[in-house]
Amino acid sequence: MKKTNLNTLIILILTLFSSTLNAQNGEVIIEQPKAIDQLLEYKKDIKTVAVYKIQVFNSSDSFKAESVKAEFKTKYGEWPVSMEFNTPNYKIWVGNFRDRLEADRALLRIKQNYMNAFIFQPKKD
C-alpha cells in the first residue's frame, strides 16, 4: 500500500512539473510616432552626437562647388548635402551617418560617381 501511494505521489508531482514547464512564444510590437524619427534626424543635424560625413568635392571655385552640390542632390537625394567654406576652399559634405558602417555603405555607392570621396568625422565646434 505504501508503494502505491508513493507511485501515485510521484506521478502527481511529475504531471504538475511537466504542465508548468511549457514555454510560451510571444511577439512584441512597438509602435512609435513618425515624429520620433524626425527628432532623431534633427538631433543628428544639430551635432549633438558624433557623426561621420563624406566629402565628395574640394575646390576654390565656388561655382563648380555649387554645381557639384546640385548634381549630387539629383543623383542621391536621400542624404543631406552641405557646402562648407574653409579658406580658401569650398567643400561638399554629405550625410550625418551615425556609425562608420553606415558611412562605408554610402561611400560604396557614392564612389561610383565621385572617385575622390572619403569618410571623415568633422570637428565639433
PDB file of N, CA and C in Angstrom:
ATOM      1  N   MET A   1       0.805  -1.182   0.000  1.00  0.00           N
ATOM      2  CA  MET A   1       0.000   0.000   0.000  1.00  0.00           C
ATOM      3  C   MET A   1       0.860   1.264   0.000  1.00  0.00           C
ATOM      4  N   LYS A   2       1.950   1.235   0.706  1.00  0.00           N
ATOM      5  CA  LYS A   2       2.841   2.391   0.718  1.00  0.00           C
ATOM      6  C   LYS A   2       3.451   2.614  -0.658  1.00  0.00           C
ATOM      7  N   LYS A   3       3.731   1.511  -1.372  1.00  0.00           N
ATOM      8  CA  LYS A   3       4.296   1.637  -2.720  1.00  0.00           C
ATOM      9  C   LYS A   3       3.306   2.301  -3.667  1.00  0.00           C
ATOM     10  N   THR A   4       2.062   1.972  -3.556  1.00  0.00           N
ATOM     11  CA  THR A   4       1.035   2.543  -4.424  1.00  0.00           C
ATOM     12  C   THR A   4       0.883   4.033  -4.157  1.00  0.00           C
ATOM     13  N   ASN A   5       0.875   4.422  -2.909  1.00  0.00           N
ATOM     14  CA  ASN A   5       0.779   5.846  -2.559  1.00  0.00           C
ATOM     15  C   ASN A   5       2.014   6.611  -3.020  1.00  0.00           C
ATOM     16  N   LEU A   6       3.166   5.982  -2.905  1.00  0.00           N
ATOM     17  CA  LEU A   6       4.408   6.623  -3.355  1.00  0.00           C
ATOM     18  C   LEU A   6       4.415   6.788  -4.863  1.00  0.00           C
ATOM     19  N   ASN A   7       3.998   5.765  -5.582  1.00  0.00           N
ATOM     20  CA  ASN A   7       3.925   5.848  -7.052  1.00  0.00           C
ATOM     21  C   ASN A   7       2.915   6.913  -7.483  1.00  0.00           C
ATOM     22  N   THR A   8       1.805   6.971  -6.825  1.00  0.00           N
ATOM     23  CA  THR A   8       0.778   7.966  -7.134  1.00  0.00           C
ATOM     24  C   THR A   8       1.309   9.376  -6.868  1.00  0.00           C
ATOM     25  N   LEU A   9       2.014   9.530  -5.782  1.00  0.00           N
ATOM     26  CA  LEU A   9       2.591  10.826  -5.439  1.00  0.00           C
ATOM     27  C   LEU A   9       3.638  11.249  -6.469  1.00  0.00           C
ATOM     28  N   ILE A  10       4.452  10.323  -6.891  1.00  0.00           N
ATOM     29  CA  ILE A  10       5.478  10.629  -7.910  1.00  0.00           C
ATOM     30  C   ILE A  10       4.824  11.017  -9.230  1.00  0.00           C
ATOM     31  N   ILE A  11       3.815  10.293  -9.641  1.00  0.00           N
ATOM     32  CA  ILE A  11       3.111  10.602 -10.890  1.00  0.00           C
ATOM     33  C   ILE A  11       2.440  11.968 -10.789  1.00  0.00           C
ATOM     34  N   LEU A  12       1.853  12.258  -9.665  1.00  0.00           N
ATOM     35  CA  LEU A  12       1.206  13.552  -9.461  1.00  0.00           C
ATOM     36  C   LEU A  12       2.218  14.694  -9.536  1.00  0.00           C
ATOM     37  N   ILE A  13       3.356  14.535  -8.910  1.00  0.00           N
ATOM     38  CA  ILE A  13       4.404  15.569  -8.928  1.00  0.00           C
ATOM     39  C   ILE A  13       4.937  15.762 -10.351  1.00  0.00           C
ATOM     40  N   LEU A  14       5.171  14.675 -11.073  1.00  0.00           N
ATOM     41  CA  LEU A  14       5.677  14.769 -12.448  1.00  0.00           C
ATOM     42  C   LEU A  14       4.686  15.462 -13.374  1.00  0.00           C
ATOM     43  N   THR A  15       3.418  15.179 -13.210  1.00  0.00           N
ATOM     44  CA  THR A  15       2.427  15.835 -14.067  1.00  0.00           C
ATOM     45  C   THR A  15       2.322  17.326 -13.765  1.00  0.00           C
ATOM     46  N   LEU A  16       2.448  17.686 -12.505  1.00  0.00           N
ATOM     47  CA  LEU A  16       2.417  19.107 -12.151  1.00  0.00           C
ATOM     48  C   LEU A  16       3.611  19.846 -12.738  1.00  0.00           C
ATOM     49  N   PHE A  17       4.809  19.266 -12.642  1.00  0.00           N
ATOM     50  CA  PHE A  17       6.007  19.907 -13.188  1.00  0.00           C
ATOM     51  C   PHE A  17       5.991  19.947 -14.706  1.00  0.00           C
ATOM     52  N   SER A  18       5.504  18.909 -15.343  1.00  0.00           N
ATOM     53  CA  SER A  18       5.508  18.892 -16.812  1.00  0.00           C
ATOM     54  C   SER A  18       4.528  19.909 -17.377  1.00  0.00           C
ATOM     55  N   SER A  19       3.454  20.169 -16.676  1.00  0.00           N
ATOM     56  CA  SER A  19       2.485  21.148 -17.170  1.00  0.00           C
ATOM     57  C   SER A  19       2.988  22.578 -16.996  1.00  0.00           C
ATOM     58  N   THR A  20       3.834  22.815 -16.008  1.00  0.00           N
ATOM     59  CA  THR A  20       4.337  24.171 -15.789  1.00  0.00           C
ATOM     60  C   THR A  20       5.590  24.470 -16.603  1.00  0.00           C
ATOM     61  N   LEU A  21       6.177  23.491 -17.240  1.00  0.00           N
ATOM     62  CA  LEU A  21       7.410  23.706 -17.992  1.00  0.00           C
ATOM     63  C   LEU A  21       7.170  24.044 -19.451  1.00  0.00           C
ATOM     64  N   ASN A  22       5.956  24.152 -19.881  1.00  0.00           N
ATOM     65  CA  ASN A  22       5.665  24.505 -21.274  1.00  0.00           C
ATOM     66  C   ASN A  22       6.027  25.964 -21.513  1.00  0.00           C
ATOM     67  N   ALA A  23       6.835  26.196 -22.543  1.00  0.00           N
ATOM     68  CA  ALA A  23       7.258  27.562 -22.863  1.00  0.00           C
ATOM     69  C   ALA A  23       6.185  28.254 -23.683  1.00  0.00           C
ATOM     70  N   GLN A  24       6.182  29.556 -23.588  1.00  0.00           N
ATOM     71  CA  GLN A  24       5.234  30.345 -24.361  1.00  0.00           C
ATOM     72  C   GLN A  24       6.001  31.221 -25.330  1.00  0.00           C
ATOM     73  N   ASN A  25       5.495  31.323 -26.528  1.00  0.00           N
ATOM     74  CA  ASN A  25       6.088  32.205 -27.523  1.00  0.00           C
ATOM     75  C   ASN A  25       5.296  33.493 -27.558  1.00  0.00           C
ATOM     76  N   GLY A  26       6.006  34.606 -27.642  1.00  0.00           N
ATOM     77  CA  GLY A  26       5.330  35.890 -27.673  1.00  0.00           C
ATOM     78  C   GLY A  26       5.917  36.791 -28.738  1.00  0.00           C
ATOM     79  N   GLU A  27       5.209  37.826 -29.062  1.00  0.00           N
ATOM     80  CA  GLU A  27       5.666  38.787 -30.058  1.00  0.00           C
ATOM     81  C   GLU A  27       5.435  40.182 -29.505  1.00  0.00           C
ATOM     82  N   VAL A  28       6.463  41.026 -29.625  1.00  0.00           N
ATOM     83  CA  VAL A  28       6.366  42.390 -29.133  1.00  0.00           C
ATOM     84  C   VAL A  28       6.322  43.318 -30.336  1.00  0.00           C
ATOM     85  N   ILE A  29       5.330  44.144 -30.387  1.00  0.00           N
ATOM     86  CA  ILE A  29       5.196  45.117 -31.473  1.00  0.00           C
ATOM     87  C   ILE A  29       5.311  46.498 -30.857  1.00  0.00           C
ATOM     88  N   ILE A  30       6.276  47.265 -31.361  1.00  0.00           N
ATOM     89  CA  ILE A  30       6.483  48.614 -30.852  1.00  0.00           C
ATOM     90  C   ILE A  30       5.969  49.593 -31.893  1.00  0.00           C
ATOM     91  N   GLU A  31       5.032  50.403 -31.495  1.00  0.00           N
ATOM     92  CA  GLU A  31       4.510  51.438 -32.380  1.00  0.00           C
ATOM     93  C   GLU A  31       4.956  52.781 -31.843  1.00  0.00           C
ATOM     94  N   GLN A  32       5.572  53.563 -32.725  1.00  0.00           N
ATOM     95  CA  GLN A  32       6.013  54.884 -32.300  1.00  0.00           C
ATOM     96  C   GLN A  32       5.625  55.898 -33.368  1.00  0.00           C
ATOM     97  N   PRO A  33       5.373  57.105 -32.964  1.00  0.00           N
ATOM     98  CA  PRO A  33       5.007  58.139 -33.930  1.00  0.00           C
ATOM     99  C   PRO A  33       6.179  58.465 -34.859  1.00  0.00           C
ATOM    100  N   LYS A  34       5.852  58.915 -36.051  1.00  0.00           N
ATOM    101  CA  LYS A  34       6.893  59.287 -37.012  1.00  0.00           C
ATOM    102  C   LYS A  34       7.693  60.493 -36.541  1.00  0.00           C
ATOM    103  N   ALA A  35       7.126  61.248 -35.637  1.00  0.00           N
ATOM    104  CA  ALA A  35       7.822  62.424 -35.116  1.00  0.00           C
ATOM    105  C   ALA A  35       9.104  62.032 -34.381  1.00  0.00           C
ATOM    106  N   ILE A  36       9.143  60.835 -33.825  1.00  0.00           N
ATOM    107  CA  ILE A  36      10.357  60.392 -33.135  1.00  0.00           C
ATOM    108  C   ILE A  36      11.504  60.245 -34.124  1.00  0.00           C
ATOM    109  N   ASP A  37      11.227  59.669 -35.304  1.00  0.00           N
ATOM    110  CA  ASP A  37      12.267  59.560 -36.327  1.00  0.00           C
ATOM    111  C   ASP A  37      12.746  60.936 -36.777  1.00  0.00           C
ATOM    112  N   GLN A  38      11.819  61.873 -36.903  1.00  0.00           N
ATOM    113  CA  GLN A  38      12.194  63.233 -37.291  1.00  0.00           C
ATOM    114  C   GLN A  38      13.059  63.882 -36.216  1.00  0.00           C
ATOM    115  N   LEU A  39      12.731  63.655 -34.963  1.00  0.00           N
ATOM    116  CA  LEU A  39      13.535  64.212 -33.876  1.00  0.00           C
ATOM    117  C   LEU A  39      14.931  63.616 -33.864  1.00  0.00           C
ATOM    118  N   LEU A  40      15.049  62.329 -34.158  1.00  0.00           N
ATOM    119  CA  LEU A  40      16.369  61.705 -34.228  1.00  0.00           C
ATOM    120  C   LEU A  40      17.200  62.301 -35.357  1.00  0.00           C
ATOM    121  N   GLU A  41      16.579  62.562 -36.504  1.00  0.00           N
ATOM    122  CA  GLU A  41      17.288  63.212 -37.607  1.00  0.00           C
ATOM    123  C   GLU A  41      17.716  64.622 -37.211  1.00  0.00           C
ATOM    124  N   TYR A  42      16.822  65.334 -36.533  1.00  0.00           N
ATOM    125  CA  TYR A  42      17.144  66.679 -36.073  1.00  0.00           C
ATOM    126  C   TYR A  42      18.321  66.655 -35.111  1.00  0.00           C
ATOM    127  N   LYS A  43      18.322  65.671 -34.233  1.00  0.00           N
ATOM    128  CA  LYS A  43      19.409  65.557 -33.266  1.00  0.00           C
ATOM    129  C   LYS A  43      20.734  65.342 -33.983  1.00  0.00           C
ATOM    130  N   LYS A  44      20.725  64.546 -35.050  1.00  0.00           N
ATOM    131  CA  LYS A  44      21.959  64.339 -35.813  1.00  0.00           C
ATOM    132  C   LYS A  44      22.387  65.639 -36.491  1.00  0.00           C
ATOM    133  N   ASP A  45      21.410  66.408 -36.973  1.00  0.00           N
ATOM    134  CA  ASP A  45      21.729  67.640 -37.685  1.00  0.00           C
ATOM    135  C   ASP A  45      22.310  68.717 -36.777  1.00  0.00           C
ATOM    136  N   ILE A  46      21.943  68.745 -35.495  1.00  0.00           N
ATOM    137  CA  ILE A  46      22.444  69.806 -34.628  1.00  0.00           C
ATOM    138  C   ILE A  46      23.747  69.419 -33.935  1.00  0.00           C
ATOM    139  N   LYS A  47      24.339  68.342 -34.387  1.00  0.00           N
ATOM    140  CA  LYS A  47      25.681  67.950 -33.952  1.00  0.00           C
ATOM    141  C   LYS A  47      25.758  67.665 -32.454  1.00  0.00           C
ATOM    142  N   THR A  48      24.741  66.992 -31.936  1.00  0.00           N
ATOM    143  CA  THR A  48      24.807  66.610 -30.526  1.00  0.00           C
ATOM    144  C   THR A  48      25.427  65.230 -30.357  1.00  0.00           C
ATOM    145  N   VAL A  49      25.583  64.524 -31.463  1.00  0.00           N
ATOM    146  CA  VAL A  49      26.212  63.203 -31.420  1.00  0.00           C
ATOM    147  C   VAL A  49      27.370  63.200 -32.416  1.00  0.00           C
ATOM    148  N   ALA A  50      28.318  62.316 -32.191  1.00  0.00           N
ATOM    149  CA  ALA A  50      29.430  62.182 -33.132  1.00  0.00           C
ATOM    150  C   ALA A  50      28.899  61.541 -34.405  1.00  0.00           C
ATOM    151  N   VAL A  51      29.161  62.170 -35.521  1.00  0.00           N
ATOM    152  CA  VAL A  51      28.683  61.658 -36.803  1.00  0.00           C
ATOM    153  C   VAL A  51      29.849  61.549 -37.782  1.00  0.00           C
ATOM    154  N   TYR A  52      29.611  60.781 -38.814  1.00  0.00           N
ATOM    155  CA  TYR A  52      30.554  60.672 -39.921  1.00  0.00           C
ATOM    156  C   TYR A  52      29.947  61.378 -41.122  1.00  0.00           C
ATOM    157  N   LYS A  53      30.799  61.971 -41.918  1.00  0.00           N
ATOM    158  CA  LYS A  53      30.384  62.624 -43.159  1.00  0.00           C
ATOM    159  C   LYS A  53      31.272  62.114 -44.283  1.00  0.00           C
ATOM    160  N   ILE A  54      30.837  62.375 -45.504  1.00  0.00           N
ATOM    161  CA  ILE A  54      31.613  62.019 -46.681  1.00  0.00           C
ATOM    162  C   ILE A  54      31.876  63.299 -47.456  1.00  0.00           C
ATOM    163  N   GLN A  55      33.128  63.537 -47.775  1.00  0.00           N
ATOM    164  CA  GLN A  55      33.473  64.697 -48.603  1.00  0.00           C
ATOM    165  C   GLN A  55      33.574  64.218 -50.041  1.00  0.00           C
ATOM    166  N   VAL A  56      32.817  64.882 -50.935  1.00  0.00           N
ATOM    167  CA  VAL A  56      32.810  64.477 -52.342  1.00  0.00           C
ATOM    168  C   VAL A  56      33.509  65.476 -53.253  1.00  0.00           C
ATOM    169  N   PHE A  57      33.764  66.696 -52.749  1.00  0.00           N
ATOM    170  CA  PHE A  57      34.361  67.719 -53.611  1.00  0.00           C
ATOM    171  C   PHE A  57      35.134  68.718 -52.766  1.00  0.00           C
ATOM    172  N   ASN A  58      36.205  69.245 -53.353  1.00  0.00           N
ATOM    173  CA  ASN A  58      37.050  70.238 -52.690  1.00  0.00           C
ATOM    174  C   ASN A  58      37.693  71.099 -53.774  1.00  0.00           C
ATOM    175  N   SER A  59      37.401  72.395 -53.769  1.00  0.00           N
ATOM    176  CA  SER A  59      37.976  73.295 -54.768  1.00  0.00           C
ATOM    177  C   SER A  59      37.825  74.736 -54.304  1.00  0.00           C
ATOM    178  N   SER A  60      38.610  75.616 -54.911  1.00  0.00           N
ATOM    179  CA  SER A  60      38.485  77.040 -54.600  1.00  0.00           C
ATOM    180  C   SER A  60      37.454  77.719 -55.500  1.00  0.00           C
ATOM    181  N   ASP A  61      36.879  76.981 -56.437  1.00  0.00           N
ATOM    182  CA  ASP A  61      35.887  77.515 -57.373  1.00  0.00           C
ATOM    183  C   ASP A  61      34.480  77.332 -56.788  1.00  0.00           C
ATOM    184  N   SER A  62      33.866  78.430 -56.366  1.00  0.00           N
ATOM    185  CA  SER A  62      32.553  78.345 -55.724  1.00  0.00           C
ATOM    186  C   SER A  62      31.459  77.931 -56.702  1.00  0.00           C
ATOM    187  N   PHE A  63      31.582  78.350 -57.957  1.00  0.00           N
ATOM    188  CA  PHE A  63      30.565  77.992 -58.951  1.00  0.00           C
ATOM    189  C   PHE A  63      30.590  76.488 -59.238  1.00  0.00           C
ATOM    190  N   LYS A  64      31.769  75.927 -59.331  1.00  0.00           N
ATOM    191  CA  LYS A  64      31.906  74.487 -59.539  1.00  0.00           C
ATOM    192  C   LYS A  64      31.372  73.724 -58.322  1.00  0.00           C
ATOM    193  N   ALA A  65      31.638  74.224 -57.125  1.00  0.00           N
ATOM    194  CA  ALA A  65      31.142  73.592 -55.903  1.00  0.00           C
ATOM    195  C   ALA A  65      29.611  73.590 -55.873  1.00  0.00           C
ATOM    196  N   GLU A  66      28.999  74.701 -56.260  1.00  0.00           N
ATOM    197  CA  GLU A  66      27.533  74.777 -56.306  1.00  0.00           C
ATOM    198  C   GLU A  66      26.968  73.784 -57.310  1.00  0.00           C
ATOM    199  N   SER A  67      27.620  73.661 -58.473  1.00  0.00           N
ATOM    200  CA  SER A  67      27.116  72.726 -59.482  1.00  0.00           C
ATOM    201  C   SER A  67      27.275  71.278 -59.021  1.00  0.00           C
ATOM    202  N   VAL A  68      28.371  70.960 -58.338  1.00  0.00           N
ATOM    203  CA  VAL A  68      28.559  69.605 -57.816  1.00  0.00           C
ATOM    204  C   VAL A  68      27.515  69.311 -56.754  1.00  0.00           C
ATOM    205  N   LYS A  69      27.219  70.287 -55.916  1.00  0.00           N
ATOM    206  CA  LYS A  69      26.208  70.111 -54.879  1.00  0.00           C
ATOM    207  C   LYS A  69      24.834  69.828 -55.494  1.00  0.00           C
ATOM    208  N   ALA A  70      24.457  70.599 -56.499  1.00  0.00           N
ATOM    209  CA  ALA A  70      23.167  70.397 -57.166  1.00  0.00           C
ATOM    210  C   ALA A  70      23.128  69.045 -57.883  1.00  0.00           C
ATOM    211  N   GLU A  71      24.221  68.701 -58.526  1.00  0.00           N
ATOM    212  CA  GLU A  71      24.309  67.415 -59.224  1.00  0.00           C
ATOM    213  C   GLU A  71      24.181  66.248 -58.237  1.00  0.00           C
ATOM    214  N   PHE A  72      24.839  66.378 -57.107  1.00  0.00           N
ATOM    215  CA  PHE A  72      24.775  65.318 -56.100  1.00  0.00           C
ATOM    216  C   PHE A  72      23.354  65.145 -55.573  1.00  0.00           C
ATOM    217  N   LYS A  73      22.670  66.263 -55.336  1.00  0.00           N
ATOM    218  CA  LYS A  73      21.294  66.197 -54.824  1.00  0.00           C
ATOM    219  C   LYS A  73      20.372  65.463 -55.792  1.00  0.00           C
ATOM    220  N   THR A  74      20.599  65.644 -57.092  1.00  0.00           N
ATOM    221  CA  THR A  74      19.736  64.960 -58.061  1.00  0.00           C
ATOM    222  C   THR A  74      20.057  63.471 -58.142  1.00  0.00           C
ATOM    223  N   LYS A  75      21.323  63.100 -57.976  1.00  0.00           N
ATOM    224  CA  LYS A  75      21.707  61.687 -58.050  1.00  0.00           C
ATOM    225  C   LYS A  75      21.382  60.935 -56.769  1.00  0.00           C
ATOM    226  N   TYR A  76      21.643  61.563 -55.624  1.00  0.00           N
ATOM    227  CA  TYR A  76      21.467  60.916 -54.326  1.00  0.00           C
ATOM    228  C   TYR A  76      20.650  61.848 -53.428  1.00  0.00           C
ATOM    229  N   GLY A  77      19.362  61.708 -53.472  1.00  0.00           N
ATOM    230  CA  GLY A  77      18.508  62.604 -52.697  1.00  0.00           C
ATOM    231  C   GLY A  77      18.298  62.198 -51.257  1.00  0.00           C
ATOM    232  N   GLU A  78      18.768  61.013 -50.868  1.00  0.00           N
ATOM    233  CA  GLU A  78      18.448  60.517 -49.527  1.00  0.00           C
ATOM    234  C   GLU A  78      19.335  61.068 -48.424  1.00  0.00           C
ATOM    235  N   TRP A  79      20.442  61.746 -48.766  1.00  0.00           N
ATOM    236  CA  TRP A  79      21.353  62.261 -47.747  1.00  0.00           C
ATOM    237  C   TRP A  79      21.411  63.781 -47.805  1.00  0.00           C
ATOM    238  N   PRO A  80      21.546  64.425 -46.664  1.00  0.00           N
ATOM    239  CA  PRO A  80      21.695  65.888 -46.671  1.00  0.00           C
ATOM    240  C   PRO A  80      23.059  66.280 -47.251  1.00  0.00           C
ATOM    241  N   VAL A  81      23.067  67.381 -47.998  1.00  0.00           N
ATOM    242  CA  VAL A  81      24.284  67.869 -48.642  1.00  0.00           C
ATOM    243  C   VAL A  81      24.519  69.298 -48.190  1.00  0.00           C
ATOM    244  N   SER A  82      25.767  69.612 -47.876  1.00  0.00           N
ATOM    245  CA  SER A  82      26.084  70.985 -47.484  1.00  0.00           C
ATOM    246  C   SER A  82      27.381  71.423 -48.146  1.00  0.00           C
ATOM    247  N   MET A  83      27.478  72.728 -48.343  1.00  0.00           N
ATOM    248  CA  MET A  83      28.712  73.302 -48.870  1.00  0.00           C
ATOM    249  C   MET A  83      29.377  74.071 -47.741  1.00  0.00           C
ATOM    250  N   GLU A  84      30.593  73.724 -47.432  1.00  0.00           N
ATOM    251  CA  GLU A  84      31.354  74.357 -46.363  1.00  0.00           C
ATOM    252  C   GLU A  84      32.497  75.157 -46.972  1.00  0.00           C
ATOM    253  N   PHE A  85      32.794  76.276 -46.356  1.00  0.00           N
ATOM    254  CA  PHE A  85      33.912  77.091 -46.821  1.00  0.00           C
ATOM    255  C   PHE A  85      34.999  77.088 -45.761  1.00  0.00           C
ATOM    256  N   ASN A  86      36.133  76.520 -46.110  1.00  0.00           N
ATOM    257  CA  ASN A  86      37.340  76.567 -45.283  1.00  0.00           C
ATOM    258  C   ASN A  86      38.394  77.238 -46.138  1.00  0.00           C
ATOM    259  N   THR A  87      38.797  78.408 -45.757  1.00  0.00           N
ATOM    260  CA  THR A  87      39.686  79.238 -46.565  1.00  0.00           C
ATOM    261  C   THR A  87      40.844  78.432 -47.128  1.00  0.00           C
ATOM    262  N   PRO A  88      41.102  78.457 -48.384  1.00  0.00           N
ATOM    263  CA  PRO A  88      40.398  79.109 -49.496  1.00  0.00           C
ATOM    264  C   PRO A  88      39.487  78.163 -50.264  1.00  0.00           C
ATOM    265  N   ASN A  89      39.113  77.043 -49.699  1.00  0.00           N
ATOM    266  CA  ASN A  89      38.386  76.014 -50.460  1.00  0.00           C
ATOM    267  C   ASN A  89      36.922  75.864 -50.051  1.00  0.00           C
ATOM    268  N   TYR A  90      36.141  75.472 -51.056  1.00  0.00           N
ATOM    269  CA  TYR A  90      34.749  75.091 -50.851  1.00  0.00           C
ATOM    270  C   TYR A  90      34.697  73.574 -50.849  1.00  0.00           C
ATOM    271  N   LYS A  91      33.983  73.015 -49.883  1.00  0.00           N
ATOM    272  CA  LYS A  91      33.908  71.565 -49.752  1.00  0.00           C
ATOM    273  C   LYS A  91      32.453  71.141 -49.733  1.00  0.00           C
ATOM    274  N   ILE A  92      32.169  70.049 -50.415  1.00  0.00           N
ATOM    275  CA  ILE A  92      30.824  69.490 -50.413  1.00  0.00           C
ATOM    276  C   ILE A  92      30.835  68.269 -49.502  1.00  0.00           C
ATOM    277  N   TRP A  93      30.035  68.358 -48.429  1.00  0.00           N
ATOM    278  CA  TRP A  93      29.943  67.296 -47.441  1.00  0.00           C
ATOM    279  C   TRP A  93      28.559  66.657 -47.515  1.00  0.00           C
ATOM    280  N   VAL A  94      28.542  65.361 -47.319  1.00  0.00           N
ATOM    281  CA  VAL A  94      27.308  64.590 -47.457  1.00  0.00           C
ATOM    282  C   VAL A  94      27.030  63.812 -46.181  1.00  0.00           C
ATOM    283  N   GLY A  95      25.770  63.811 -45.765  1.00  0.00           N
ATOM    284  CA  GLY A  95      25.286  62.916 -44.732  1.00  0.00           C
ATOM    285  C   GLY A  95      25.586  63.307 -43.313  1.00  0.00           C
ATOM    286  N   ASN A  96      24.911  62.610 -42.438  1.00  0.00           N
ATOM    287  CA  ASN A  96      25.123  62.625 -40.986  1.00  0.00           C
ATOM    288  C   ASN A  96      24.998  61.177 -40.551  1.00  0.00           C
ATOM    289  N   PHE A  97      26.021  60.390 -40.816  1.00  0.00           N
ATOM    290  CA  PHE A  97      25.962  58.959 -40.568  1.00  0.00           C
ATOM    291  C   PHE A  97      26.287  58.665 -39.112  1.00  0.00           C
ATOM    292  N   ARG A  98      25.457  57.848 -38.477  1.00  0.00           N
ATOM    293  CA  ARG A  98      25.602  57.545 -37.050  1.00  0.00           C
ATOM    294  C   ARG A  98      26.825  56.708 -36.739  1.00  0.00           C
ATOM    295  N   ASP A  99      27.186  55.813 -37.640  1.00  0.00           N
ATOM    296  CA  ASP A  99      28.346  54.956 -37.377  1.00  0.00           C
ATOM    297  C   ASP A  99      29.141  54.745 -38.660  1.00  0.00           C
ATOM    298  N   ARG A 100      30.323  54.200 -38.495  1.00  0.00           N
ATOM    299  CA  ARG A 100      31.243  54.029 -39.617  1.00  0.00           C
ATOM    300  C   ARG A 100      30.680  53.054 -40.648  1.00  0.00           C
ATOM    301  N   LEU A 101      29.981  52.037 -40.201  1.00  0.00           N
ATOM    302  CA  LEU A 101      29.422  51.053 -41.112  1.00  0.00           C
ATOM    303  C   LEU A 101      28.409  51.687 -42.057  1.00  0.00           C
ATOM    304  N   GLU A 102      27.555  52.517 -41.523  1.00  0.00           N
ATOM    305  CA  GLU A 102      26.566  53.218 -42.346  1.00  0.00           C
ATOM    306  C   GLU A 102      27.266  54.122 -43.360  1.00  0.00           C
ATOM    307  N   ALA A 103      28.315  54.798 -42.933  1.00  0.00           N
ATOM    308  CA  ALA A 103      29.070  55.671 -43.840  1.00  0.00           C
ATOM    309  C   ALA A 103      29.795  54.855 -44.913  1.00  0.00           C
ATOM    310  N   ASP A 104      30.343  53.711 -44.541  1.00  0.00           N
ATOM    311  CA  ASP A 104      31.030  52.860 -45.523  1.00  0.00           C
ATOM    312  C   ASP A 104      30.077  52.369 -46.599  1.00  0.00           C
ATOM    313  N   ARG A 105      28.876  52.002 -46.207  1.00  0.00           N
ATOM    314  CA  ARG A 105      27.881  51.547 -47.187  1.00  0.00           C
ATOM    315  C   ARG A 105      27.524  52.664 -48.163  1.00  0.00           C
ATOM    316  N   ALA A 106      27.371  53.864 -47.637  1.00  0.00           N
ATOM    317  CA  ALA A 106      27.058  55.004 -48.511  1.00  0.00           C
ATOM    318  C   ALA A 106      28.235  55.323 -49.416  1.00  0.00           C
ATOM    319  N   LEU A 107      29.451  55.231 -48.881  1.00  0.00           N
ATOM    320  CA  LEU A 107      30.643  55.542 -49.672  1.00  0.00           C
ATOM    321  C   LEU A 107      30.777  54.612 -50.864  1.00  0.00           C
ATOM    322  N   LEU A 108      30.423  53.359 -50.702  1.00  0.00           N
ATOM    323  CA  LEU A 108      30.479  52.425 -51.832  1.00  0.00           C
ATOM    324  C   LEU A 108      29.603  52.889 -52.981  1.00  0.00           C
ATOM    325  N   ARG A 109      28.436  53.391 -52.664  1.00  0.00           N
ATOM    326  CA  ARG A 109      27.539  53.900 -53.716  1.00  0.00           C
ATOM    327  C   ARG A 109      28.056  55.206 -54.302  1.00  0.00           C
ATOM    328  N   ILE A 110      28.548  56.086 -53.436  1.00  0.00           N
ATOM    329  CA  ILE A 110      28.987  57.409 -53.889  1.00  0.00           C
ATOM    330  C   ILE A 110      30.235  57.317 -54.752  1.00  0.00           C
ATOM    331  N   LYS A 111      31.123  56.395 -54.432  1.00  0.00           N
ATOM    332  CA  LYS A 111      32.385  56.262 -55.177  1.00  0.00           C
ATOM    333  C   LYS A 111      32.168  55.900 -56.636  1.00  0.00           C
ATOM    334  N   GLN A 112      31.006  55.408 -56.998  1.00  0.00           N
ATOM    335  CA  GLN A 112      30.716  55.092 -58.392  1.00  0.00           C
ATOM    336  C   GLN A 112      30.734  56.350 -59.256  1.00  0.00           C
ATOM    337  N   ASN A 113      30.371  57.490 -58.669  1.00  0.00           N
ATOM    338  CA  ASN A 113      30.342  58.749 -59.420  1.00  0.00           C
ATOM    339  C   ASN A 113      31.366  59.773 -58.938  1.00  0.00           C
ATOM    340  N   TYR A 114      31.834  59.628 -57.701  1.00  0.00           N
ATOM    341  CA  TYR A 114      32.785  60.576 -57.127  1.00  0.00           C
ATOM    342  C   TYR A 114      33.969  59.782 -56.579  1.00  0.00           C
ATOM    343  N   MET A 115      34.964  59.566 -57.399  1.00  0.00           N
ATOM    344  CA  MET A 115      36.082  58.679 -57.070  1.00  0.00           C
ATOM    345  C   MET A 115      36.937  59.197 -55.908  1.00  0.00           C
ATOM    346  N   ASN A 116      36.989  60.505 -55.705  1.00  0.00           N
ATOM    347  CA  ASN A 116      37.836  61.080 -54.658  1.00  0.00           C
ATOM    348  C   ASN A 116      37.113  61.232 -53.322  1.00  0.00           C
ATOM    349  N   ALA A 117      35.926  60.693 -53.198  1.00  0.00           N
ATOM    350  CA  ALA A 117      35.148  60.818 -51.962  1.00  0.00           C
ATOM    351  C   ALA A 117      35.819  60.035 -50.838  1.00  0.00           C
ATOM    352  N   PHE A 118      35.695  60.570 -49.617  1.00  0.00           N
ATOM    353  CA  PHE A 118      36.247  59.879 -48.452  1.00  0.00           C
ATOM    354  C   PHE A 118      35.425  60.208 -47.215  1.00  0.00           C
ATOM    355  N   ILE A 119      35.555  59.356 -46.200  1.00  0.00           N
ATOM    356  CA  ILE A 119      34.809  59.486 -44.945  1.00  0.00           C
ATOM    357  C   ILE A 119      35.669  60.225 -43.924  1.00  0.00           C
ATOM    358  N   PHE A 120      35.032  61.064 -43.122  1.00  0.00           N
ATOM    359  CA  PHE A 120      35.729  61.753 -42.036  1.00  0.00           C
ATOM    360  C   PHE A 120      34.741  62.084 -40.936  1.00  0.00           C
ATOM    361  N   GLN A 121      35.276  62.431 -39.784  1.00  0.00           N
ATOM    362  CA  GLN A 121      34.468  62.939 -38.668  1.00  0.00           C
ATOM    363  C   GLN A 121      34.783  64.414 -38.491  1.00  0.00           C
ATOM    364  N   PRO A 122      33.797  65.290 -38.719  1.00  0.00           N
ATOM    365  CA  PRO A 122      34.055  66.712 -38.554  1.00  0.00           C
ATOM    366  C   PRO A 122      34.350  67.070 -37.094  1.00  0.00           C
ATOM    367  N   LYS A 123      35.163  68.081 -36.933  1.00  0.00           N
ATOM    368  CA  LYS A 123      35.472  68.564 -35.572  1.00  0.00           C
ATOM    369  C   LYS A 123      34.243  69.240 -34.992  1.00  0.00           C
ATOM    370  N   LYS A 124      34.020  69.028 -33.698  1.00  0.00           N
ATOM    371  CA  LYS A 124      32.897  69.688 -33.042  1.00  0.00           C
ATOM    372  C   LYS A 124      33.283  71.125 -32.733  1.00  0.00           C
ATOM    373  N   ASP A 125      32.288  71.990 -32.839  1.00  0.00           N
ATOM    374  CA  ASP A 125      32.517  73.416 -32.574  1.00  0.00           C
ATOM    375  C   ASP A 125      32.712  73.687 -31.111  1.00  0.00           C
TER     376      ASP A 125
END
